[in-house]
Amino acid sequence: MPGNSEGDIPVQAEVPGLLLEKGGYRARLAQGADDLTAAHLLRARCFRTASLDQDQFDEACLHVLIESRSDGALVGCFRLMLLENGQHLHLSYSSQFYDLTQLCAFSGRMMELGRFCIDPAVQNADVLRLAWGAVTGLVDQNGVGLLFGCSSFTGTNPSAFIEAFALLKRRHLAPEAWSPGRKAADTRLFGDLLQDRAVDQKPDLKLAQAQLPPLLRSYLTMGGWVSDHVVIDVELNTCHVFTGLEVKAVPRVRKRLLRGVAGSL
């Protein structure tokens, strides 16, 4: 655990599963049924599901909770699954929706991030920053070579995010060697969504950035890439794109900043 820096709240008691503490927040691994239920409840609020958001993948994942250090309130959470290499991709949540045949050739360790959500009532960039610091520490500890997952847009109408998809198509498509194929029953190719636009029409960058989910923006600033299509997920009231990030592709300056947050410089 990194030592406290100026402005951090002093640690007053041992916190089981503690990963990281910075400023007013801490990240820790869920420790039991009560922690998991709290994560399910927050996920249900964020995804607006009628009941607890839980599935068969929860049991195979580690769950990270982001809490307020002042009162222990849960403000964010995500889950992660560690895979030894691409041959185990069939075990992942993402493989239900995307044909990951090409990524099966990836030889390094992989980490799937999922159900990443932040309490809608909490508008503090430190929560996302702390979450990425926790991810960075886990990536380094486990020798992970590739991060991946589904990046979700709220709602099931992809046309509401047309500038974002125009930007993704123009600048951020997966390398051909790793490109995910279509598998889900309800998908939309970016090209089809953009068919009424002029071929040389550039995306509105300001609007595109506003339409991108914060998690996906973070992936992209680190060199992440996406599928060439979006999946419509009625069950979670979202539409999502497959997102990948090779750790070796993260810019050196960005790595230094993340490891500074993680306390692993």
Protein backbone atom coordinates (compact mmCIF):
# COMPACT_ATOMS: atom_id res chain seq x y z
CA MET A 1 0.00 0.00 0.00
CA PRO A 2 1.43 3.40 -0.90
CA GLY A 3 2.27 5.82 1.87
CA ASN A 4 0.07 8.86 2.43
CA SER A 5 0.90 12.00 0.47
CA GLU A 6 -0.01 15.55 1.39
CA GLY A 7 -3.78 15.98 1.48
CA ASP A 8 -4.56 12.32 2.09
CA ILE A 9 -6.79 11.36 5.01
CA PRO A 10 -4.77 9.48 7.67
CA VAL A 11 -5.45 5.76 7.82
CA GLN A 12 -7.13 5.02 11.14
CA ALA A 13 -7.83 1.32 10.86
CA GLU A 14 -6.84 -1.67 8.79
CA VAL A 15 -9.16 -2.11 5.81
CA PRO A 16 -9.47 -5.71 4.54
CA GLY A 17 -8.64 -6.08 0.87
CA LEU A 18 -7.32 -2.52 0.60
CA LEU A 19 -5.80 -1.73 -2.80
CA LEU A 20 -5.33 2.03 -2.73
CA GLU A 21 -6.23 5.18 -0.81
CA LYS A 22 -6.00 8.69 -2.17
CA GLY A 23 -7.71 11.89 -1.10
CA GLY A 24 -11.24 11.19 0.08
CA TYR A 25 -11.60 7.73 -1.50
CA ARG A 26 -10.29 4.19 -1.23
CA ALA A 27 -10.38 1.13 -3.47
CA ARG A 28 -10.63 -2.35 -1.98
CA LEU A 29 -11.53 -5.87 -2.98
CA ALA A 30 -14.99 -7.08 -1.98
CA GLN A 31 -14.75 -9.37 1.03
CA GLY A 32 -18.02 -11.23 1.21
CA ALA A 33 -21.72 -11.48 0.42
CA ASP A 34 -22.61 -8.07 1.89
CA ASP A 35 -19.99 -6.32 -0.26
CA LEU A 36 -21.18 -8.13 -3.36
CA THR A 37 -24.81 -7.24 -2.64
CA ALA A 38 -23.81 -3.58 -2.29
CA ALA A 39 -22.11 -3.76 -5.70
CA HIS A 40 -25.18 -5.42 -7.22
CA LEU A 41 -27.39 -2.64 -5.86
CA LEU A 42 -25.15 0.12 -7.22
CA ARG A 43 -24.98 -1.63 -10.59
CA ALA A 44 -28.78 -1.86 -10.65
CA ARG A 45 -29.03 1.89 -10.00
CA CYS A 46 -26.52 2.76 -12.69
CA PHE A 47 -27.92 0.38 -15.32
CA ARG A 48 -31.51 1.02 -14.19
CA THR A 49 -32.42 -2.64 -13.96
CA ALA A 50 -35.59 -3.68 -12.18
CA SER A 51 -33.79 -6.03 -9.79
CA LEU A 52 -30.29 -6.68 -8.48
CA ASP A 53 -27.78 -6.68 -11.34
CA GLN A 54 -26.05 -10.04 -11.06
CA ASP A 55 -25.07 -12.86 -13.41
CA GLN A 56 -23.10 -16.09 -13.63
CA PHE A 57 -19.82 -14.25 -14.26
CA ASP A 58 -19.80 -12.62 -10.82
CA GLU A 59 -18.55 -15.80 -9.17
CA ALA A 60 -15.50 -16.01 -11.44
CA CYS A 61 -14.50 -12.35 -10.95
CA LEU A 62 -12.78 -10.19 -8.39
CA HIS A 63 -14.90 -7.19 -7.40
CA VAL A 64 -13.39 -3.79 -6.63
CA LEU A 65 -15.32 -1.28 -4.52
CA ILE A 66 -14.60 2.46 -4.49
CA GLU A 67 -15.71 4.01 -1.20
CA SER A 68 -15.73 7.35 0.56
CA ARG A 69 -13.13 7.28 3.33
CA SER A 70 -15.20 9.55 5.53
CA ASP A 71 -18.30 7.37 5.84
CA GLY A 72 -17.63 4.19 3.83
CA ALA A 73 -20.34 5.00 1.27
CA LEU A 74 -20.00 3.02 -1.96
CA VAL A 75 -19.47 5.43 -4.86
CA GLY A 76 -18.20 3.10 -7.58
CA CYS A 77 -17.42 -0.50 -8.44
CA PHE A 78 -16.18 -2.80 -11.17
CA ARG A 79 -15.29 -6.43 -11.58
CA LEU A 80 -12.35 -8.08 -13.27
CA MET A 81 -11.52 -11.49 -14.64
CA LEU A 82 -7.91 -12.64 -15.13
CA LEU A 83 -7.19 -14.89 -18.11
CA GLU A 84 -3.85 -16.59 -18.73
CA ASN A 85 -3.98 -15.91 -22.49
CA GLY A 86 -6.27 -15.61 -25.49
CA GLN A 87 -7.11 -19.32 -25.44
CA HIS A 88 -9.31 -18.62 -22.40
CA LEU A 89 -11.35 -15.82 -23.95
CA HIS A 90 -14.39 -18.09 -24.23
CA LEU A 91 -14.74 -17.76 -20.45
CA SER A 92 -15.20 -13.99 -20.62
CA TYR A 93 -18.38 -11.96 -20.48
CA SER A 94 -17.48 -10.15 -23.72
CA SER A 95 -17.29 -13.39 -25.70
CA GLN A 96 -21.10 -13.68 -25.48
CA PHE A 97 -21.44 -10.65 -27.74
CA TYR A 98 -18.31 -10.55 -29.90
CA ASP A 99 -16.46 -13.04 -32.06
CA LEU A 100 -13.00 -12.92 -30.48
CA THR A 101 -11.41 -15.59 -32.65
CA GLN A 102 -8.55 -13.35 -33.77
CA LEU A 103 -7.73 -12.26 -30.21
CA CYS A 104 -7.35 -15.93 -29.23
CA ALA A 105 -3.84 -15.67 -30.67
CA PHE A 106 -2.83 -13.16 -27.96
CA SER A 107 -0.16 -14.93 -25.91
CA GLY A 108 0.04 -12.74 -22.80
CA ARG A 109 -2.12 -12.45 -19.71
CA MET A 110 -5.41 -10.63 -20.12
CA MET A 111 -7.77 -8.81 -17.78
CA GLU A 112 -11.43 -8.21 -18.54
CA LEU A 113 -12.96 -5.19 -16.83
CA GLY A 114 -16.73 -5.18 -16.51
CA ARG A 115 -19.77 -3.63 -14.83
CA PHE A 116 -17.73 -0.44 -14.32
CA CYS A 117 -20.04 2.13 -12.77
CA ILE A 118 -19.96 5.27 -10.64
CA ASP A 119 -22.84 6.53 -8.52
CA PRO A 120 -24.68 9.08 -10.71
CA ALA A 121 -24.94 11.38 -7.69
CA VAL A 122 -21.14 11.58 -7.35
CA GLN A 123 -19.56 14.09 -9.71
CA ASN A 124 -15.89 13.79 -8.79
CA ALA A 125 -13.14 12.94 -11.28
CA ASP A 126 -11.06 11.53 -8.39
CA VAL A 127 -13.29 8.44 -8.32
CA LEU A 128 -12.42 7.46 -11.90
CA ARG A 129 -8.78 8.40 -11.30
CA LEU A 130 -8.59 6.18 -8.22
CA ALA A 131 -10.26 3.32 -10.08
CA TRP A 132 -7.64 3.49 -12.83
CA GLY A 133 -4.92 3.63 -10.17
CA ALA A 134 -6.29 0.40 -8.68
CA VAL A 135 -6.45 -1.20 -12.14
CA THR A 136 -2.85 -0.14 -12.79
CA GLY A 137 -1.66 -1.79 -9.60
CA LEU A 138 -3.47 -5.03 -10.44
CA VAL A 139 -2.15 -4.99 -14.02
CA ASP A 140 1.42 -4.61 -12.78
CA GLN A 141 1.05 -7.23 -10.04
CA ASN A 142 -0.36 -9.81 -12.43
CA GLY A 143 1.77 -9.09 -15.51
CA VAL A 144 -1.27 -8.29 -17.66
CA GLY A 145 -0.59 -7.57 -21.34
CA LEU A 146 -4.11 -6.71 -22.54
CA LEU A 147 -7.12 -5.02 -20.92
CA PHE A 148 -10.51 -5.50 -22.54
CA GLY A 149 -14.22 -5.25 -21.95
CA CYS A 150 -17.49 -3.75 -23.16
CA SER A 151 -17.76 0.06 -23.00
CA SER A 152 -21.41 1.02 -22.57
CA PHE A 153 -23.45 3.98 -23.79
CA THR A 154 -26.68 4.67 -21.92
CA GLY A 155 -29.80 3.64 -23.80
CA THR A 156 -30.42 1.38 -26.77
CA ASN A 157 -30.54 3.99 -29.54
CA PRO A 158 -27.07 4.20 -31.12
CA SER A 159 -28.16 7.14 -33.29
CA ALA A 160 -28.02 9.29 -30.14
CA PHE A 161 -24.22 8.89 -30.17
CA ILE A 162 -23.57 9.30 -33.87
CA GLU A 163 -20.67 11.76 -33.49
CA ALA A 164 -18.96 9.44 -31.02
CA PHE A 165 -19.25 6.52 -33.42
CA ALA A 166 -17.99 8.69 -36.28
CA LEU A 167 -14.91 9.50 -34.20
CA LEU A 168 -14.37 5.86 -33.23
CA LYS A 169 -14.63 4.74 -36.85
CA ARG A 170 -12.21 7.40 -38.07
CA ARG A 171 -9.53 7.13 -35.38
CA HIS A 172 -9.92 4.22 -33.00
CA LEU A 173 -10.77 0.95 -34.76
CA ALA A 174 -9.02 -2.22 -33.57
CA PRO A 175 -5.85 -3.34 -35.35
CA GLU A 176 -6.80 -5.79 -38.08
CA ALA A 177 -4.94 -8.59 -36.31
CA TRP A 178 -7.18 -8.28 -33.20
CA SER A 179 -10.43 -7.03 -34.75
CA PRO A 180 -13.56 -8.45 -33.04
CA GLY A 181 -16.23 -9.88 -35.29
CA ARG A 182 -20.02 -9.68 -35.02
CA LYS A 183 -21.75 -12.31 -32.88
CA ALA A 184 -24.67 -10.77 -30.97
CA ALA A 185 -28.15 -10.92 -32.46
CA ASP A 186 -28.65 -7.13 -32.48
CA THR A 187 -25.68 -5.13 -33.81
CA ARG A 188 -25.05 -2.02 -35.90
CA LEU A 189 -21.94 -1.46 -37.99
CA PHE A 190 -20.52 2.04 -37.64
CA GLY A 191 -20.53 2.26 -41.44
CA ASP A 192 -24.28 1.58 -41.54
CA LEU A 193 -24.99 4.15 -38.83
CA LEU A 194 -23.01 6.73 -40.78
CA GLN A 195 -24.29 5.90 -44.25
CA ASP A 196 -26.19 9.18 -44.63
CA ARG A 197 -23.09 11.27 -43.95
CA ALA A 198 -20.71 12.48 -46.62
CA VAL A 199 -17.65 10.26 -46.89
CA ASP A 200 -15.33 13.16 -46.05
CA GLN A 201 -17.48 14.58 -43.23
CA LYS A 202 -15.40 14.81 -40.09
CA PRO A 203 -16.89 14.17 -36.64
CA ASP A 204 -17.74 17.09 -34.41
CA LEU A 205 -14.93 16.55 -31.91
CA LYS A 206 -16.50 18.52 -29.06
CA LEU A 207 -19.82 16.70 -29.36
CA ALA A 208 -18.12 13.34 -29.90
CA GLN A 209 -16.10 13.73 -26.71
CA ALA A 210 -19.24 14.68 -24.80
CA GLN A 211 -21.03 11.56 -26.09
CA LEU A 212 -18.23 9.15 -25.17
CA PRO A 213 -18.61 7.42 -21.76
CA PRO A 214 -15.85 8.49 -19.31
CA LEU A 215 -14.43 4.96 -19.14
CA LEU A 216 -14.11 4.75 -22.91
CA ARG A 217 -12.49 8.20 -23.06
CA SER A 218 -9.88 6.92 -20.60
CA TYR A 219 -9.20 3.83 -22.72
CA LEU A 220 -8.77 5.94 -25.86
CA THR A 221 -6.34 8.41 -24.27
CA MET A 222 -4.13 5.43 -23.41
CA GLY A 223 -4.15 4.01 -26.94
CA GLY A 224 -7.23 1.82 -26.69
CA TRP A 225 -9.28 0.65 -29.66
CA VAL A 226 -12.80 -0.59 -30.36
CA SER A 227 -14.84 -2.95 -32.51
CA ASP A 228 -16.27 -1.68 -35.82
CA HIS A 229 -19.81 -2.15 -34.55
CA VAL A 230 -22.05 -1.54 -31.56
CA VAL A 231 -24.12 -4.18 -29.74
CA ILE A 232 -27.63 -3.34 -28.53
CA ASP A 233 -28.18 -4.76 -25.02
CA VAL A 234 -31.85 -4.39 -24.12
CA GLU A 235 -31.43 -6.23 -20.80
CA LEU A 236 -29.05 -3.56 -19.44
CA ASN A 237 -30.60 -0.68 -21.42
CA THR A 238 -27.25 0.05 -23.08
CA CYS A 239 -25.43 -0.22 -26.34
CA HIS A 240 -21.77 -1.11 -26.16
CA VAL A 241 -18.57 -1.53 -28.12
CA PHE A 242 -15.78 -4.01 -27.51
CA THR A 243 -12.76 -2.17 -26.16
CA GLY A 244 -9.16 -3.35 -26.00
CA LEU A 245 -5.90 -1.85 -24.74
CA GLU A 246 -2.46 -3.38 -25.07
CA VAL A 247 -0.49 -2.36 -21.99
CA LYS A 248 2.71 -1.91 -24.01
CA ALA A 249 0.91 0.70 -26.14
CA VAL A 250 0.15 3.03 -23.22
CA PRO A 251 2.25 6.20 -23.65
CA ARG A 252 5.17 6.45 -21.23
CA VAL A 253 3.94 9.70 -19.69
CA ARG A 254 0.51 8.20 -19.11
CA LYS A 255 2.03 5.12 -17.46
CA ARG A 256 4.03 7.35 -15.14
CA LEU A 257 0.92 9.26 -14.11
CA LEU A 258 -1.09 6.08 -13.49
CA ARG A 259 1.68 4.46 -11.50
CA GLY A 260 2.00 7.66 -9.51
CA VAL A 261 -1.66 7.29 -8.49
CA ALA A 262 -1.12 3.58 -7.83
CA GLY A 263 1.96 4.28 -5.71
CA SER A 264 4.10 1.96 -7.85
CA LEU A 265 6.65 4.36 -9.36
